[in-house]
Structures are given as C-alpha cells and as structure tokens.
Protein backbone atom coordinates (compact mmCIF):
# COMPACT_ATOMS: atom_id res chain seq x y z
CA MET A 1 137.38 248.90 119.61
CA PHE A 2 138.34 247.30 116.08
CA ARG A 3 139.57 249.44 113.46
CA LEU A 4 137.38 248.54 110.03
CA VAL A 5 139.48 248.35 107.30
CA SER A 6 137.62 249.49 103.91
CA PHE A 7 137.30 247.26 101.38
CA ALA A 8 138.04 250.17 98.85
CA SER A 9 141.60 250.89 100.49
CA LEU A 10 142.20 246.95 100.69
CA ALA A 11 141.81 246.70 97.37
CA LEU A 12 144.13 249.33 96.31
CA SER A 13 146.94 247.93 98.59
CA LEU A 14 146.17 244.50 97.14
CA ALA A 15 146.49 245.87 93.35
CA LEU A 16 150.17 245.00 92.68
CA PRO A 17 149.23 242.66 89.69
CA VAL A 18 151.07 239.19 90.33
CA ALA A 19 151.99 238.27 87.33
CA GLY A 20 153.98 241.67 85.48
CA LYS A 21 157.63 243.22 84.12
CA ALA A 22 160.62 241.05 84.22
CA ASP A 23 161.60 243.25 87.23
CA GLU A 24 158.20 243.36 89.08
CA LYS A 25 157.46 240.47 92.11
CA PRO A 26 154.15 239.16 93.51
CA LYS A 27 153.06 240.20 96.46
CA GLN A 28 154.20 238.00 99.38
CA LEU A 29 150.73 236.47 100.53
CA VAL A 30 150.11 235.82 104.71
CA MET A 31 146.92 233.79 105.52
CA ILE A 32 146.30 233.29 108.59
CA SER A 33 143.77 230.74 109.30
CA PHE A 34 141.85 229.60 112.97
CA ASP A 35 140.11 226.32 113.24
CA GLY A 36 136.72 225.74 115.38
CA ALA A 37 136.65 229.62 116.28
CA HIS A 38 134.83 229.01 119.42
CA ASP A 39 136.64 230.94 122.31
CA ASN A 40 134.92 233.82 123.04
CA ALA A 41 138.49 235.67 124.20
CA LEU A 42 140.21 234.10 121.46
CA TRP A 43 138.25 236.49 119.01
CA THR A 44 138.51 239.20 120.74
CA LYS A 45 142.34 238.76 120.56
CA SER A 46 142.67 237.36 116.96
CA ARG A 47 140.54 240.71 115.65
CA GLU A 48 142.59 243.15 117.99
CA ILE A 49 145.90 241.19 116.39
CA ALA A 50 144.88 241.71 112.68
CA SER A 51 143.18 245.07 113.41
CA ARG A 52 146.67 246.09 114.62
CA ASN A 53 148.71 245.06 111.80
CA GLY A 54 146.15 245.42 108.80
CA ALA A 55 145.47 242.01 108.40
CA HIS A 56 142.68 240.01 107.48
CA PHE A 57 142.36 236.59 108.88
CA THR A 58 140.29 233.28 108.05
CA TYR A 59 138.09 231.64 110.90
CA PHE A 60 137.50 227.64 109.91
CA LEU A 61 134.17 227.68 112.26
CA SER A 62 133.11 224.51 114.14
CA CYS A 63 128.98 224.93 113.85
CA THR A 64 128.30 222.67 117.18
CA PHE A 65 129.65 225.96 118.40
CA LEU A 66 126.30 227.89 117.59
CA MET A 67 124.06 225.17 118.90
CA ASN A 68 121.99 225.27 121.90
CA HIS A 69 120.65 222.83 123.97
CA ASP A 70 117.66 221.61 121.34
CA GLN A 71 120.03 221.77 118.35
CA ALA A 72 122.45 219.71 119.99
CA ARG A 73 120.33 216.95 120.66
CA ALA A 74 119.27 217.15 117.14
CA TYR A 75 122.46 217.45 115.17
CA GLN A 76 123.45 214.35 113.64
CA ALA A 77 126.87 213.92 111.42
CA PRO A 78 126.75 211.13 108.77
CA GLY A 79 127.10 207.62 110.39
CA GLN A 80 126.79 209.12 114.05
CA LYS A 81 124.36 208.87 116.69
CA ALA A 82 122.26 212.46 117.57
CA GLY A 83 123.53 214.29 119.73
CA LYS A 84 127.27 213.37 119.09
CA SER A 85 130.43 215.90 118.77
CA ASN A 86 134.20 215.49 119.32
CA VAL A 87 134.54 218.72 119.83
CA GLY A 88 131.46 219.76 122.54
CA PHE A 89 129.20 222.53 121.83
CA ALA A 90 128.53 225.45 123.06
CA LYS A 91 128.45 226.40 126.62
CA SER A 92 125.32 228.53 127.15
CA GLU A 93 122.83 230.24 124.76
CA ASP A 94 124.97 233.71 126.22
CA ASP A 95 127.77 231.40 124.49
CA VAL A 96 126.51 231.89 121.59
CA ARG A 97 125.71 235.47 121.79
CA THR A 98 128.84 236.63 122.29
CA ARG A 99 130.02 234.23 119.73
CA ILE A 100 127.70 235.56 116.82
CA ALA A 101 128.40 238.96 117.51
CA ASN A 102 132.19 238.55 117.35
CA ILE A 103 131.17 236.01 113.85
CA TRP A 104 129.64 238.88 112.84
CA GLY A 105 132.12 241.89 114.11
CA ALA A 106 134.68 239.78 112.24
CA HIS A 107 132.72 239.69 108.84
CA LEU A 108 131.85 243.47 108.87
CA GLU A 109 135.69 244.30 109.32
CA GLY A 110 136.96 241.59 106.21
CA HIS A 111 137.94 238.95 107.81
CA ASP A 112 136.94 235.49 106.03
CA ILE A 113 134.07 233.07 108.11
CA SER A 114 134.48 229.84 106.52
CA SER A 115 133.36 225.77 107.18
CA HIS A 116 135.05 223.29 109.72
CA ALA A 117 132.07 221.48 109.40
CA CYS A 118 130.32 220.45 112.76
CA GLY A 119 131.41 217.97 115.01
CA HIS A 120 134.81 217.39 113.94
CA PHE A 121 134.46 213.94 112.31
CA ASP A 122 136.86 212.26 110.68
CA GLY A 123 135.05 212.20 106.96
CA LYS A 124 138.03 209.80 104.94
CA ALA A 125 135.28 207.75 104.32
CA TRP A 126 132.36 210.22 103.75
CA THR A 127 130.46 209.98 99.92
CA ALA A 128 130.00 213.26 98.49
CA ALA A 129 125.97 213.23 99.84
CA ASP A 130 127.70 212.74 103.54
CA TRP A 131 129.67 216.16 103.41
CA GLN A 132 126.80 217.48 101.76
CA GLN A 133 124.76 216.46 104.90
CA GLU A 134 127.17 218.23 107.33
CA PHE A 135 127.72 221.46 105.48
CA MET A 136 124.14 221.77 105.44
CA ASN A 137 123.72 221.00 109.35
CA ALA A 138 126.66 224.10 109.15
CA ARG A 139 124.38 226.21 106.96
CA VAL A 140 121.64 225.85 108.84
CA ALA A 141 123.02 226.64 112.26
CA LEU A 142 124.79 229.38 111.13
CA ARG A 143 121.06 231.14 109.34
CA ASP A 144 119.54 230.31 112.51
CA ALA A 145 121.62 231.31 115.14
CA TRP A 146 119.97 234.76 115.95
CA LYS A 147 116.96 233.39 116.04
CA ASN A 148 117.82 230.72 118.08
CA VAL A 149 119.64 232.53 120.71
CA GLY A 150 118.67 236.14 119.84
CA GLU A 151 116.58 237.01 123.16
CA GLY A 152 116.97 240.75 123.20
CA GLU A 153 118.89 240.67 120.54
CA LYS A 154 118.01 241.57 116.63
CA GLU A 155 119.55 239.89 113.91
CA PRO A 156 121.96 242.26 111.97
CA ALA A 157 120.90 243.34 108.36
CA GLY A 158 122.48 241.14 105.85
CA TRP A 159 122.97 238.05 108.12
CA GLN A 160 120.81 235.78 106.40
CA GLU A 161 122.66 236.50 102.95
CA PHE A 162 126.08 236.42 104.84
CA ALA A 163 125.22 232.52 106.53
CA ASN A 164 123.67 231.36 103.06
CA LYS A 165 126.09 232.94 100.15
CA ASP A 166 129.36 234.09 101.60
CA VAL A 167 130.68 230.86 103.57
CA LYS A 168 132.98 230.22 100.50
CA GLY A 169 135.64 227.75 102.17
CA PHE A 170 136.13 224.86 103.95
CA ARG A 171 138.96 222.96 106.22
CA ALA A 172 138.49 219.09 107.05
CA PRO A 173 138.81 218.32 110.73
CA TYR A 174 141.91 216.54 110.92
CA LEU A 175 142.89 217.36 107.87
CA SER A 176 141.37 213.77 106.47
CA THR A 177 139.55 214.16 103.29
CA SER A 178 137.60 211.84 100.58
CA ASP A 179 137.06 211.36 97.02
CA GLY A 180 133.41 212.95 97.80
CA LEU A 181 134.64 216.12 99.27
CA VAL A 182 135.41 218.40 96.38
CA PRO A 183 132.12 218.03 94.75
CA ALA A 184 130.08 218.41 97.61
CA GLU A 185 131.64 221.13 97.88
CA LYS A 186 131.50 222.41 94.52
CA ALA A 187 127.49 221.52 95.01
CA MET A 188 127.56 223.68 98.04
CA GLY A 189 128.59 226.94 96.26
CA PHE A 190 132.56 226.71 97.82
CA GLN A 191 135.43 228.25 96.30
CA TYR A 192 138.29 226.95 97.91
CA ASP A 193 139.44 223.92 100.61
CA ALA A 194 142.56 224.40 102.61
CA SER A 195 142.67 220.51 103.99
CA LEU A 196 145.90 219.71 102.07
CA VAL A 197 149.56 219.29 102.79
CA THR A 198 152.28 220.34 100.83
CA ARG A 199 156.04 219.79 100.93
CA GLY A 200 156.65 223.64 101.36
CA PRO A 201 154.61 226.69 100.71
CA MET A 202 152.90 225.78 97.45
CA LEU A 203 150.39 227.12 94.89
CA PRO A 204 147.14 225.86 95.12
CA GLN A 205 145.18 223.22 92.32
CA VAL A 206 142.42 223.69 90.97
CA VAL A 207 140.28 220.97 90.65
CA ASN A 208 136.83 221.05 89.12
CA GLY A 209 136.47 224.93 89.94
CA ILE A 210 137.90 224.43 93.46
CA TYR A 211 141.24 226.01 94.66
CA ARG A 212 142.82 223.34 97.20
CA PHE A 213 145.26 224.92 99.51
CA GLY A 214 147.34 223.29 101.45
CA LEU A 215 149.60 224.26 104.95
CA PRO A 216 152.88 223.62 104.42
CA LEU A 217 155.94 221.45 105.79
CA ILE A 218 158.43 224.02 107.08
CA PRO A 219 161.51 223.19 108.77
CA GLU A 220 161.84 224.02 112.80
CA GLY A 221 164.13 223.85 115.66
CA PRO A 222 167.66 223.13 115.71
CA ASP A 223 167.48 219.90 113.42
CA HIS A 224 164.76 221.73 110.78
CA HIS A 225 162.38 219.08 111.62
CA LEU A 226 159.58 219.26 108.99
CA VAL A 227 156.64 220.44 110.61
CA ILE A 228 152.91 221.10 109.29
CA GLY A 229 152.73 224.78 109.85
CA MET A 230 149.88 224.47 111.96
CA ASP A 231 150.30 225.14 116.03
CA TYR A 232 148.80 221.89 117.53
CA ASN A 233 151.53 220.69 115.13
CA PHE A 234 154.37 222.40 116.57
CA TYR A 235 152.84 221.63 120.25
CA ILE A 236 152.98 217.45 119.29
CA HIS A 237 156.42 218.39 118.11
CA HIS A 238 157.72 220.15 120.79
CA SER A 239 156.16 218.31 123.90
CA LYS A 240 154.23 215.27 122.31
CA GLY A 241 150.90 217.15 123.31
CA VAL A 242 151.67 217.30 127.23
CA GLU A 243 151.54 221.16 128.26
CA ASP A 244 154.92 222.21 129.28
CA LYS A 245 154.68 225.61 130.61
CA ALA A 246 158.17 225.67 132.09
CA ASP A 247 159.36 225.58 128.40
CA SER A 248 156.71 227.94 126.97
CA LYS A 249 159.01 230.71 126.04
CA SER A 250 161.55 228.46 123.88
CA PHE A 251 158.95 227.07 122.16
CA GLU A 252 157.12 230.32 121.35
CA ASP A 253 160.68 231.63 120.02
CA ARG A 254 161.38 228.71 117.97
CA THR A 255 158.03 228.88 116.62
CA PHE A 256 158.56 232.45 115.45
CA ASP A 257 162.36 231.97 114.00
CA ALA A 258 160.64 228.67 112.18
CA PHE A 259 157.58 231.26 110.77
CA GLU A 260 160.06 234.32 109.75
CA ALA A 261 162.57 231.58 108.35
CA ALA A 262 159.59 230.18 105.80
CA PHE A 263 158.31 233.71 105.08
CA ASP A 264 161.77 235.22 104.35
CA LYS A 265 162.47 232.03 102.02
CA GLN A 266 159.76 233.21 100.20
CA TYR A 267 160.13 236.94 100.14
CA ASN A 268 163.24 237.04 98.93
CA GLY A 269 162.22 234.24 96.47
CA GLU A 270 159.93 233.04 94.67
CA ARG A 271 156.72 234.93 96.78
CA ILE A 272 154.64 231.39 97.05
CA PRO A 273 151.89 232.44 99.34
CA LEU A 274 152.35 231.67 103.26
CA GLN A 275 149.99 229.97 104.99
CA LEU A 276 149.82 229.14 108.53
CA GLY A 277 147.24 227.40 110.53
CA PHE A 278 145.92 227.69 114.46
CA HIS A 279 143.58 226.71 116.35
CA PHE A 280 141.58 228.83 119.19
CA VAL A 281 143.38 227.04 121.84
CA GLU A 282 146.60 228.19 123.57
CA MET A 283 148.89 225.44 123.74
CA ASN A 284 151.91 225.27 125.84
CA ASP A 285 151.04 228.30 127.95
CA GLY A 286 150.12 230.46 124.66
CA ALA A 287 153.81 230.02 123.11
CA TYR A 288 152.19 229.43 119.57
CA TRP A 289 149.71 232.43 120.00
CA ARG A 290 152.44 234.54 121.09
CA ALA A 291 154.42 233.82 118.06
CA LEU A 292 151.55 234.44 115.84
CA ASP A 293 151.64 237.90 117.34
CA ARG A 294 155.25 238.68 116.84
CA PHE A 295 154.99 237.41 113.64
CA VAL A 296 151.82 238.70 112.36
CA SER A 297 153.39 242.63 113.87
CA ASP A 298 156.39 241.78 112.03
CA VAL A 299 155.92 240.90 108.20
CA CYS A 300 152.14 242.54 107.76
CA HIS A 301 153.79 245.83 107.50
CA LYS A 302 156.63 245.34 105.07
CA ASP A 303 156.70 245.96 101.72
CA GLY A 304 155.12 243.87 99.38
CA VAL A 305 153.28 242.08 101.84
CA ALA A 306 149.37 241.41 101.88
CA CYS A 307 148.13 239.65 104.90
CA VAL A 308 144.59 238.40 103.39
CA SER A 309 141.63 235.95 104.05
CA TYR A 310 141.94 233.22 101.74
CA SER A 311 139.07 234.30 99.40
CA GLU A 312 141.45 237.65 98.99
CA ALA A 313 144.19 235.34 98.00
CA LEU A 314 142.17 234.08 95.34
CA PRO A 315 142.19 236.90 92.82
CA LEU A 316 145.65 237.49 93.06
CA ILE A 317 146.72 234.00 92.53
CA ALA A 318 144.58 232.88 89.94
CA MET A 319 146.89 233.07 86.59
CA ARG A 320 150.00 231.13 89.61
CA ALA A 321 147.56 228.20 90.40
CA LYS A 322 147.55 224.91 88.68
CA PRO A 323 144.14 223.36 87.01
CA GLN A 324 144.29 219.75 87.67
CA GLN A 325 141.69 217.08 86.37
CA GLY A 326 139.03 216.12 89.13
C-alpha cells in the first residue's frame, strides 16, 4: 500500500517563504517528472519511491496508452494518418484498467498528472489549432477512459472533474515546440509548460501567464560534459543509446554523482529549483532509475528541501519567476 500524504501536512511543510529575511533561504525545490507514464510496473515503482520519501512527482501522460482498439483506430494527430502513434497504444483493455487505477491513485496521493499529448509527434511546425486538437484528443481519452474499458469497474467519483480541470501542465515530445504552443496551452487552461532546456538550473519564464520551465544542462562524468538532466540524454551520452548491461553500475554511479553535484550547487547556493526528467523505460538495465531512487532517498529528507510536483512549485517560486512578453 502507498502512504497518502495529506495536503494539509504538505502545505505546512512548504510554508517557508521563498523570499523572507536576509538570512532566510528559500526552500530547495526538487522536481522529478516522468514522460509517457505507461508501464504499470514503473507506475508501482515510482509511487513507492515517492511514498517512502515524502515526495510528489509529475507524470506527463501520453494518451494513446489509454486507448482501446477502437479508439486507437480513430485517433488522428495533426498532419498524421488515423491510427498512427510513434509510441504505440495500450496492450489491452486490462492494461488500460490497471493504468487508470494507477493514475487515480497517484492523483489522490498528491502527484501531478499532466499531459505529454498523445502519439509523441514532433510539433515544431504545429499551429495553435494543431496543438489544441492534440490536447483535446488527450483530454477526451482521459475523460472517457473508465467508460471505454471499465467493464466491472466503477468510475471513481471525481474522475470527470479531474480529467477536465486538473491537468494543468504539459511537456512536448522531443522537447520540440512551436510559436503556437503557448497560445494553445493558454486556451486549454494550462498553468505551466516544461518543454524547454536551460544552461543549468534556472527559474521559469512567465509567458502570457504560462510558467515555462526548462530541464537543465548539468555536468556529468570525468570530463564534466553537459548533459540534459533526463535519463534518455544520459543513456545517449553513456552508451550511444545502445543497451550496455555490463557497465550499468558505472552508469548508475556517474548519474547519481551528477544529480548530487547539481543538487549541492543549488542547495548551498542560490537554491534555484532542480528539475530532473525520466521515462517509464529502464535504460541500461535500470541504471537511471536506481540513481533516481538513491537520489530521492538522500535529498528529499534534508532540512530545507521539498520534493514537489510542478503545480506545487508554482506558488513557491511565483515571486522569483521572470515575466516576459509573449
């Protein structure tokens, strides 16, 4: 069973102001997120890691993993043929039932369920209307998930409000965006976007009311090579995207050390929020998930640290974020 963290106790734990007395530092925020959010075994593992360490995570859900056979055939992304997805679809209706139970459980535990769109297409040329089309595909798939595969299962009370109103953030597949993205996010009622890359940890920009976060470049390995703080990018850097089980422990240790160094620099310095991204895939024999577990287990218990979702981070950094013209 997963331990539920009450919102009241979380609010108290985050009560330290972001800007106070001269000798008072803001909370060091750590924001862990997952793209895709499909593999049910990794849903279980991630929720257990969070529960054990009092952390809240953000799950950027790809909606094709909620689609039954008929929905998969009907789904059409902007500029694509019907029934096409770069990441596939759910394995079965039982697979979807387990996934939506995980989604609901994670939501009740205080995690963010956010959007990774649907079929994992590159939207660099998409218009605002294209993005809105894909966002609506995702909203409908989430809203109707229990109805479409819920034989013998009762939709939880509150699911409709959750599906229609509580998905507040987005990360673009391939971190690829266009000028139409922010207007579409605004129209859909999103509060934040996490699709950027920044040279080191940085506070978000605020564009047309949307908080725009970026995964940081962080030094890694003996040459301190700058790598995007995401498991896939470490995988490419370490083994060129080819599975290397023999060196898995070495990759784990290097990744953990890089995470710790990036954290320490902020914790002992400006306390800019540290963002790290992962996928529901255990690359290089699970090296990056093991590094994640070690990292969260270490830092989330430290004084002055809050391991939070993106939506929980927003009010804590609102006074520090930088408004920009859209």
